[in-house]
Amino acid sequence: MNNNDIFKKLRVALQLRDDQIVEILQLVDFRISKPELGAFFRNENHPNYMECGDQVLRNFLNGLIIHLRGTKDEPKDPKKVLAAIKAEAGKDKDNSAPKKPGTYKGKPKPKTQGEATGTGTAAKKPVKKFNKPKKKEPIMDKTRFKNGKKPNKD
């Protein structure tokens, strides 16, 4: 396992975006751009793949400590920081792509039969209602077997 794998796993586990990683690295006065950072997360076969050096990973881990725990002067609660990151990640998923009216998950809404032919008024197809299966009638009537036991009278 190399530094790139460790960096990828930390990014996924902590749900960090590239801009958040850049901010974490700036906490320890280490400047890096988003394209340089993206090169670390590429596939090894990609032409723009770059090996993550020890210095980059070391500075990221030191910055992560400051980001989660804070400094001695201003300590933070790591659980609250992680909860804020998760809440922000959940908020971003909800507002990830603005939806256009008449679209379904970013795709155009499928046209009904009337709209496709251009007749103007679309005839709605009847909704199929599934019938519940009927209860099966017992083959035998209610039969009581007397196996030498007296019936209980409740």
N, C-alpha and C. Protein backbone atom coordinates (compact mmCIF):
# COMPACT_ATOMS: atom_id res chain seq x y z
N MET A 1 0.85 -1.17 0.00
CA MET A 1 0.00 0.00 0.00
C MET A 1 0.90 1.24 0.00
N ASN A 2 0.67 2.11 -0.95
CA ASN A 2 1.52 3.31 -1.05
C ASN A 2 0.78 4.52 -0.48
N ASN A 3 1.44 5.66 -0.52
CA ASN A 3 0.87 6.89 0.05
C ASN A 3 -0.43 7.30 -0.65
N ASN A 4 -0.51 7.06 -1.96
CA ASN A 4 -1.72 7.42 -2.69
C ASN A 4 -2.93 6.63 -2.16
N ASP A 5 -2.74 5.36 -1.89
CA ASP A 5 -3.83 4.53 -1.36
C ASP A 5 -4.28 5.03 0.01
N ILE A 6 -3.31 5.37 0.85
CA ILE A 6 -3.64 5.87 2.20
C ILE A 6 -4.41 7.18 2.10
N PHE A 7 -3.94 8.05 1.21
CA PHE A 7 -4.59 9.36 1.01
C PHE A 7 -6.02 9.17 0.51
N LYS A 8 -6.23 8.27 -0.43
CA LYS A 8 -7.56 7.99 -0.97
C LYS A 8 -8.49 7.47 0.12
N LYS A 9 -7.99 6.53 0.92
CA LYS A 9 -8.83 5.93 1.96
C LYS A 9 -9.21 6.96 3.03
N LEU A 10 -8.30 7.84 3.39
CA LEU A 10 -8.62 8.90 4.35
C LEU A 10 -9.65 9.86 3.78
N ARG A 11 -9.50 10.18 2.51
CA ARG A 11 -10.44 11.10 1.87
C ARG A 11 -11.85 10.52 1.87
N VAL A 12 -11.97 9.23 1.55
CA VAL A 12 -13.28 8.58 1.51
C VAL A 12 -13.85 8.43 2.92
N ALA A 13 -13.01 7.99 3.85
CA ALA A 13 -13.49 7.74 5.22
C ALA A 13 -13.98 9.02 5.89
N LEU A 14 -13.31 10.12 5.63
CA LEU A 14 -13.69 11.39 6.26
C LEU A 14 -14.62 12.23 5.39
N GLN A 15 -14.98 11.72 4.21
CA GLN A 15 -15.89 12.39 3.28
C GLN A 15 -15.41 13.81 2.96
N LEU A 16 -14.15 13.90 2.55
CA LEU A 16 -13.56 15.20 2.25
C LEU A 16 -13.57 15.47 0.75
N ARG A 17 -13.86 16.71 0.38
CA ARG A 17 -13.77 17.14 -1.01
C ARG A 17 -12.39 17.76 -1.24
N ASP A 18 -12.08 17.99 -2.50
CA ASP A 18 -10.75 18.54 -2.83
C ASP A 18 -10.52 19.90 -2.19
N ASP A 19 -11.53 20.77 -2.21
CA ASP A 19 -11.34 22.09 -1.63
C ASP A 19 -11.13 22.02 -0.12
N GLN A 20 -11.76 21.04 0.53
CA GLN A 20 -11.56 20.87 1.98
C GLN A 20 -10.14 20.38 2.26
N ILE A 21 -9.62 19.50 1.40
CA ILE A 21 -8.26 19.01 1.58
C ILE A 21 -7.26 20.15 1.38
N VAL A 22 -7.51 21.01 0.41
CA VAL A 22 -6.63 22.17 0.18
C VAL A 22 -6.63 23.07 1.41
N GLU A 23 -7.80 23.28 2.02
CA GLU A 23 -7.89 24.10 3.24
C GLU A 23 -7.14 23.45 4.40
N ILE A 24 -7.24 22.13 4.51
CA ILE A 24 -6.54 21.42 5.59
C ILE A 24 -5.03 21.55 5.41
N LEU A 25 -4.55 21.45 4.17
CA LEU A 25 -3.12 21.59 3.92
C LEU A 25 -2.65 23.03 4.16
N GLN A 26 -3.52 24.02 3.98
CA GLN A 26 -3.14 25.40 4.24
C GLN A 26 -3.01 25.68 5.73
N LEU A 27 -3.62 24.84 6.57
CA LEU A 27 -3.49 25.02 8.02
C LEU A 27 -2.05 24.84 8.47
N VAL A 28 -1.27 24.04 7.74
CA VAL A 28 0.13 23.83 8.08
C VAL A 28 1.05 24.55 7.09
N ASP A 29 0.52 25.57 6.40
CA ASP A 29 1.26 26.40 5.44
C ASP A 29 1.85 25.56 4.31
N PHE A 30 1.08 24.62 3.81
CA PHE A 30 1.49 23.83 2.65
C PHE A 30 0.52 24.14 1.53
N ARG A 31 1.01 24.73 0.46
CA ARG A 31 0.16 25.14 -0.65
C ARG A 31 0.17 24.07 -1.73
N ILE A 32 -1.03 23.72 -2.20
CA ILE A 32 -1.18 22.77 -3.30
C ILE A 32 -2.44 23.14 -4.06
N SER A 33 -2.43 22.91 -5.37
CA SER A 33 -3.60 23.26 -6.17
C SER A 33 -4.50 22.04 -6.33
N LYS A 34 -5.75 22.28 -6.72
CA LYS A 34 -6.69 21.18 -6.92
C LYS A 34 -6.26 20.22 -8.02
N PRO A 35 -5.73 20.71 -9.17
CA PRO A 35 -5.28 19.74 -10.18
C PRO A 35 -4.13 18.85 -9.70
N GLU A 36 -3.21 19.42 -8.91
CA GLU A 36 -2.13 18.59 -8.35
C GLU A 36 -2.71 17.54 -7.40
N LEU A 37 -3.69 17.96 -6.63
CA LEU A 37 -4.33 17.05 -5.69
C LEU A 37 -5.09 15.95 -6.43
N GLY A 38 -5.77 16.32 -7.52
CA GLY A 38 -6.51 15.34 -8.31
C GLY A 38 -5.60 14.31 -8.94
N ALA A 39 -4.36 14.68 -9.22
CA ALA A 39 -3.41 13.74 -9.81
C ALA A 39 -3.07 12.61 -8.85
N PHE A 40 -3.15 12.87 -7.55
CA PHE A 40 -2.88 11.82 -6.56
C PHE A 40 -3.98 10.76 -6.54
N PHE A 41 -5.20 11.17 -6.86
CA PHE A 41 -6.34 10.26 -6.75
C PHE A 41 -6.65 9.54 -8.06
N ARG A 42 -5.87 9.77 -9.10
CA ARG A 42 -6.11 9.11 -10.39
C ARG A 42 -5.64 7.66 -10.35
N ASN A 43 -6.05 6.91 -11.39
CA ASN A 43 -5.62 5.53 -11.56
C ASN A 43 -4.13 5.53 -11.91
N GLU A 44 -3.41 4.49 -11.52
CA GLU A 44 -1.97 4.43 -11.77
C GLU A 44 -1.65 4.40 -13.26
N ASN A 45 -2.58 3.92 -14.08
CA ASN A 45 -2.35 3.83 -15.51
C ASN A 45 -2.63 5.14 -16.24
N HIS A 46 -3.21 6.10 -15.57
CA HIS A 46 -3.56 7.37 -16.20
C HIS A 46 -2.30 8.18 -16.50
N PRO A 47 -2.26 8.88 -17.64
CA PRO A 47 -1.04 9.65 -17.96
C PRO A 47 -0.75 10.80 -17.00
N ASN A 48 -1.75 11.34 -16.32
CA ASN A 48 -1.54 12.46 -15.39
C ASN A 48 -1.41 12.01 -13.94
N TYR A 49 -1.26 10.71 -13.71
CA TYR A 49 -1.09 10.18 -12.36
C TYR A 49 0.23 10.69 -11.77
N MET A 50 0.18 11.05 -10.49
CA MET A 50 1.39 11.51 -9.82
C MET A 50 1.49 10.78 -8.48
N GLU A 51 2.67 10.36 -8.15
CA GLU A 51 2.90 9.66 -6.89
C GLU A 51 2.87 10.66 -5.74
N CYS A 52 2.17 10.30 -4.67
CA CYS A 52 2.07 11.17 -3.50
C CYS A 52 3.32 10.97 -2.65
N GLY A 53 4.03 12.03 -2.43
CA GLY A 53 5.26 11.94 -1.65
C GLY A 53 5.00 11.91 -0.16
N ASP A 54 6.04 11.57 0.57
CA ASP A 54 5.93 11.51 2.03
C ASP A 54 5.63 12.88 2.63
N GLN A 55 6.20 13.91 2.03
CA GLN A 55 6.01 15.27 2.56
C GLN A 55 4.54 15.70 2.45
N VAL A 56 3.89 15.37 1.33
CA VAL A 56 2.48 15.76 1.14
C VAL A 56 1.60 15.04 2.15
N LEU A 57 1.81 13.73 2.28
CA LEU A 57 0.99 12.95 3.23
C LEU A 57 1.24 13.38 4.66
N ARG A 58 2.51 13.65 5.01
CA ARG A 58 2.84 14.09 6.37
C ARG A 58 2.16 15.42 6.68
N ASN A 59 2.22 16.36 5.74
CA ASN A 59 1.58 17.66 5.97
C ASN A 59 0.06 17.53 6.03
N PHE A 60 -0.51 16.63 5.23
CA PHE A 60 -1.96 16.42 5.30
C PHE A 60 -2.36 15.88 6.67
N LEU A 61 -1.60 14.89 7.18
CA LEU A 61 -1.94 14.32 8.49
C LEU A 61 -1.78 15.34 9.60
N ASN A 62 -0.75 16.16 9.53
CA ASN A 62 -0.58 17.23 10.54
C ASN A 62 -1.71 18.25 10.44
N GLY A 63 -2.09 18.61 9.24
CA GLY A 63 -3.20 19.54 9.06
C GLY A 63 -4.51 18.94 9.51
N LEU A 64 -4.68 17.64 9.29
CA LEU A 64 -5.90 16.95 9.72
C LEU A 64 -6.03 16.97 11.24
N ILE A 65 -4.92 16.82 11.93
CA ILE A 65 -4.94 16.89 13.40
C ILE A 65 -5.42 18.27 13.85
N ILE A 66 -4.90 19.31 13.22
CA ILE A 66 -5.32 20.67 13.59
C ILE A 66 -6.78 20.89 13.22
N HIS A 67 -7.18 20.36 12.07
CA HIS A 67 -8.56 20.54 11.61
C HIS A 67 -9.56 19.86 12.55
N LEU A 68 -9.23 18.66 13.01
CA LEU A 68 -10.16 17.92 13.86
C LEU A 68 -10.05 18.31 15.34
N ARG A 69 -8.83 18.42 15.87
CA ARG A 69 -8.65 18.67 17.29
C ARG A 69 -8.49 20.14 17.63
N GLY A 70 -8.05 20.94 16.67
CA GLY A 70 -7.78 22.34 16.95
C GLY A 70 -6.38 22.50 17.50
N THR A 71 -6.08 23.68 17.98
CA THR A 71 -4.76 23.95 18.57
C THR A 71 -4.88 23.90 20.08
N LYS A 72 -3.72 24.05 20.75
CA LYS A 72 -3.75 24.05 22.22
C LYS A 72 -4.52 25.27 22.74
N ASP A 73 -4.39 26.38 22.02
CA ASP A 73 -5.08 27.60 22.45
C ASP A 73 -6.58 27.51 22.21
N GLU A 74 -6.98 26.91 21.09
CA GLU A 74 -8.40 26.79 20.74
C GLU A 74 -8.74 25.33 20.41
N PRO A 75 -8.95 24.51 21.44
CA PRO A 75 -9.26 23.10 21.16
C PRO A 75 -10.67 22.93 20.58
N LYS A 76 -10.85 21.88 19.77
CA LYS A 76 -12.14 21.56 19.16
C LYS A 76 -12.53 20.15 19.57
N ASP A 77 -13.83 19.86 19.45
CA ASP A 77 -14.31 18.50 19.67
C ASP A 77 -14.36 17.80 18.32
N PRO A 78 -13.55 16.74 18.11
CA PRO A 78 -13.51 16.08 16.80
C PRO A 78 -14.85 15.52 16.36
N LYS A 79 -15.69 15.07 17.30
CA LYS A 79 -17.00 14.52 16.93
C LYS A 79 -17.89 15.59 16.30
N LYS A 80 -17.81 16.80 16.83
CA LYS A 80 -18.61 17.89 16.27
C LYS A 80 -18.12 18.27 14.88
N VAL A 81 -16.81 18.25 14.68
CA VAL A 81 -16.25 18.60 13.37
C VAL A 81 -16.67 17.56 12.34
N LEU A 82 -16.57 16.27 12.70
CA LEU A 82 -16.97 15.20 11.77
C LEU A 82 -18.46 15.24 11.49
N ALA A 83 -19.27 15.56 12.50
CA ALA A 83 -20.72 15.67 12.29
C ALA A 83 -21.04 16.82 11.34
N ALA A 84 -20.31 17.92 11.46
CA ALA A 84 -20.53 19.05 10.55
C ALA A 84 -20.15 18.68 9.12
N ILE A 85 -19.08 17.90 8.96
CA ILE A 85 -18.67 17.47 7.62
C ILE A 85 -19.74 16.56 7.02
N LYS A 86 -20.27 15.64 7.82
CA LYS A 86 -21.32 14.74 7.31
C LYS A 86 -22.59 15.51 6.97
N ALA A 87 -22.95 16.47 7.79
CA ALA A 87 -24.15 17.27 7.51
C ALA A 87 -23.96 18.07 6.23
N GLU A 88 -22.78 18.61 6.04
CA GLU A 88 -22.51 19.38 4.82
C GLU A 88 -22.50 18.47 3.60
N ALA A 89 -21.99 17.26 3.74
CA ALA A 89 -21.98 16.31 2.62
C ALA A 89 -23.40 15.89 2.27
N GLY A 90 -24.25 15.70 3.26
CA GLY A 90 -25.64 15.35 3.01
C GLY A 90 -26.40 16.48 2.35
N LYS A 91 -26.09 17.72 2.75
CA LYS A 91 -26.74 18.88 2.16
C LYS A 91 -26.33 19.03 0.70
N ASP A 92 -25.07 18.77 0.39
CA ASP A 92 -24.58 18.89 -0.98
C ASP A 92 -25.22 17.85 -1.88
N LYS A 93 -25.49 16.66 -1.37
CA LYS A 93 -26.11 15.62 -2.19
C LYS A 93 -27.53 16.02 -2.58
N ASP A 94 -28.25 16.69 -1.67
CA ASP A 94 -29.62 17.10 -1.97
C ASP A 94 -29.65 18.20 -3.02
N ASN A 95 -28.68 19.11 -2.97
CA ASN A 95 -28.67 20.25 -3.89
C ASN A 95 -27.58 20.11 -4.94
N SER A 96 -27.20 18.88 -5.29
CA SER A 96 -26.08 18.68 -6.19
C SER A 96 -26.34 19.21 -7.58
N ALA A 97 -27.51 18.96 -8.13
CA ALA A 97 -27.80 19.44 -9.48
C ALA A 97 -29.17 20.10 -9.47
N PRO A 98 -29.23 21.35 -9.89
CA PRO A 98 -30.54 22.00 -9.92
C PRO A 98 -31.42 21.32 -10.97
N LYS A 99 -32.63 20.99 -10.57
CA LYS A 99 -33.54 20.29 -11.47
C LYS A 99 -34.34 21.29 -12.28
N LYS A 100 -34.50 20.97 -13.54
CA LYS A 100 -35.33 21.79 -14.41
C LYS A 100 -36.76 21.31 -14.27
N PRO A 101 -37.72 22.21 -14.44
CA PRO A 101 -39.10 21.76 -14.37
C PRO A 101 -39.38 20.78 -15.50
N GLY A 102 -40.11 19.73 -15.18
CA GLY A 102 -40.46 18.72 -16.18
C GLY A 102 -39.35 17.72 -16.41
N THR A 103 -38.39 17.63 -15.46
CA THR A 103 -37.33 16.63 -15.62
C THR A 103 -37.40 15.64 -14.49
N TYR A 104 -36.84 14.50 -14.73
CA TYR A 104 -36.79 13.44 -13.75
C TYR A 104 -35.34 13.05 -13.58
N LYS A 105 -34.75 13.39 -12.44
CA LYS A 105 -33.35 13.11 -12.14
C LYS A 105 -32.42 13.62 -13.23
N GLY A 106 -32.67 14.83 -13.71
CA GLY A 106 -31.80 15.43 -14.70
C GLY A 106 -32.10 15.01 -16.12
N LYS A 107 -32.99 14.05 -16.32
CA LYS A 107 -33.35 13.61 -17.66
C LYS A 107 -34.70 14.20 -18.03
N PRO A 108 -34.94 14.42 -19.32
CA PRO A 108 -36.25 14.94 -19.71
C PRO A 108 -37.35 13.96 -19.35
N LYS A 109 -38.47 14.53 -18.98
CA LYS A 109 -39.62 13.72 -18.61
C LYS A 109 -40.13 12.98 -19.84
N PRO A 110 -40.38 11.66 -19.71
CA PRO A 110 -40.85 10.94 -20.89
C PRO A 110 -42.21 11.46 -21.34
N LYS A 111 -42.37 11.55 -22.65
CA LYS A 111 -43.61 12.08 -23.21
C LYS A 111 -44.67 11.00 -23.22
N THR A 112 -45.92 11.44 -23.00
CA THR A 112 -47.03 10.50 -23.07
C THR A 112 -47.38 10.26 -24.53
N GLN A 113 -48.28 9.36 -24.76
CA GLN A 113 -48.62 8.97 -26.12
C GLN A 113 -49.19 10.15 -26.91
N GLY A 114 -50.02 10.96 -26.29
CA GLY A 114 -50.62 12.10 -26.96
C GLY A 114 -49.58 13.18 -27.28
N GLU A 115 -48.62 13.39 -26.38
CA GLU A 115 -47.60 14.40 -26.61
C GLU A 115 -46.65 13.95 -27.71
N ALA A 116 -46.37 12.65 -27.78
CA ALA A 116 -45.43 12.14 -28.78
C ALA A 116 -46.01 12.26 -30.18
N THR A 117 -47.31 12.04 -30.31
CA THR A 117 -47.94 12.12 -31.63
C THR A 117 -48.31 13.54 -31.99
N GLY A 118 -48.38 14.41 -31.01
CA GLY A 118 -48.68 15.81 -31.27
C GLY A 118 -50.17 16.09 -31.33
N THR A 119 -51.00 15.24 -30.75
CA THR A 119 -52.44 15.47 -30.79
C THR A 119 -52.87 16.51 -29.78
N GLY A 120 -52.03 16.86 -28.88
CA GLY A 120 -52.37 17.92 -27.93
C GLY A 120 -52.84 17.36 -26.60
N THR A 121 -53.95 16.68 -26.57
CA THR A 121 -54.44 16.14 -25.31
C THR A 121 -53.97 14.71 -25.20
N ALA A 122 -53.39 14.43 -24.12
CA ALA A 122 -52.84 13.09 -23.92
C ALA A 122 -53.89 12.22 -23.25
N ALA A 123 -54.17 11.09 -23.85
CA ALA A 123 -55.11 10.14 -23.24
C ALA A 123 -54.34 9.31 -22.23
N LYS A 124 -54.83 9.32 -21.02
CA LYS A 124 -54.14 8.56 -19.98
C LYS A 124 -54.50 7.10 -20.10
N LYS A 125 -53.51 6.28 -19.88
CA LYS A 125 -53.74 4.84 -19.90
C LYS A 125 -54.44 4.46 -18.60
N PRO A 126 -55.34 3.50 -18.66
CA PRO A 126 -55.99 3.08 -17.42
C PRO A 126 -54.98 2.44 -16.48
N VAL A 127 -55.16 2.72 -15.23
CA VAL A 127 -54.28 2.19 -14.21
C VAL A 127 -54.71 0.77 -13.90
N LYS A 128 -53.75 -0.13 -13.94
CA LYS A 128 -54.06 -1.52 -13.64
C LYS A 128 -54.17 -1.69 -12.13
N LYS A 129 -55.23 -2.32 -11.73
CA LYS A 129 -55.40 -2.62 -10.32
C LYS A 129 -55.22 -4.12 -10.16
N PHE A 130 -54.38 -4.47 -9.27
CA PHE A 130 -54.13 -5.88 -9.04
C PHE A 130 -55.15 -6.42 -8.06
N ASN A 131 -55.80 -7.47 -8.47
CA ASN A 131 -56.80 -8.10 -7.61
C ASN A 131 -56.09 -8.94 -6.57
N LYS A 132 -56.60 -8.85 -5.36
CA LYS A 132 -56.04 -9.66 -4.30
C LYS A 132 -56.50 -11.10 -4.51
N PRO A 133 -55.64 -12.05 -4.25
CA PRO A 133 -56.06 -13.44 -4.42
C PRO A 133 -57.15 -13.79 -3.40
N LYS A 134 -58.14 -14.52 -3.88
CA LYS A 134 -59.24 -14.91 -3.01
C LYS A 134 -58.78 -16.00 -2.06
N LYS A 135 -59.41 -16.03 -0.90
CA LYS A 135 -59.07 -17.06 0.06
C LYS A 135 -59.55 -18.40 -0.47
N LYS A 136 -58.70 -19.37 -0.32
CA LYS A 136 -59.06 -20.70 -0.78
C LYS A 136 -60.05 -21.32 0.19
N GLU A 137 -61.05 -21.95 -0.38
CA GLU A 137 -62.02 -22.62 0.47
C GLU A 137 -61.43 -23.95 0.91
N PRO A 138 -61.66 -24.30 2.16
CA PRO A 138 -61.09 -25.57 2.63
C PRO A 138 -61.74 -26.75 1.90
N ILE A 139 -60.97 -27.77 1.69
CA ILE A 139 -61.48 -28.95 0.99
C ILE A 139 -62.47 -29.68 1.89
N MET A 140 -62.16 -29.77 3.15
CA MET A 140 -63.04 -30.46 4.09
C MET A 140 -63.73 -29.43 4.97
N ASP A 141 -64.91 -29.74 5.42
CA ASP A 141 -65.58 -28.89 6.38
C ASP A 141 -64.86 -29.00 7.71
N LYS A 142 -65.26 -28.14 8.62
CA LYS A 142 -64.64 -28.21 9.93
C LYS A 142 -64.96 -29.56 10.56
N THR A 143 -63.96 -30.36 10.67
CA THR A 143 -64.14 -31.71 11.19
C THR A 143 -63.44 -31.81 12.53
N ARG A 144 -64.13 -32.40 13.46
CA ARG A 144 -63.52 -32.59 14.77
C ARG A 144 -63.21 -34.07 14.92
N PHE A 145 -61.99 -34.29 15.31
CA PHE A 145 -61.58 -35.66 15.53
C PHE A 145 -61.67 -35.97 17.01
N LYS A 146 -62.26 -37.11 17.31
CA LYS A 146 -62.36 -37.55 18.70
C LYS A 146 -61.35 -38.67 18.89
N ASN A 147 -60.28 -38.32 19.53
CA ASN A 147 -59.22 -39.30 19.77
C ASN A 147 -59.27 -39.80 21.20
N GLY A 148 -60.45 -40.01 21.69
CA GLY A 148 -60.60 -40.51 23.06
C GLY A 148 -60.45 -39.40 24.09
N LYS A 149 -60.38 -38.15 23.66
CA LYS A 149 -60.24 -37.04 24.61
C LYS A 149 -61.60 -36.35 24.74
N LYS A 150 -61.83 -35.89 25.94
CA LYS A 150 -63.07 -35.18 26.19
C LYS A 150 -62.90 -33.74 25.73
N PRO A 151 -63.88 -33.15 25.08
CA PRO A 151 -63.75 -31.76 24.62
C PRO A 151 -63.72 -30.78 25.78
N ASN A 152 -62.95 -29.74 25.65
CA ASN A 152 -62.88 -28.70 26.68
C ASN A 152 -64.11 -27.81 26.56
N LYS A 153 -64.71 -27.56 27.70
CA LYS A 153 -65.86 -26.66 27.70
C LYS A 153 -65.41 -25.37 28.38
N ASP A 154 -65.23 -24.35 27.55
CA ASP A 154 -64.78 -23.06 28.10
C ASP A 154 -65.91 -22.12 28.33
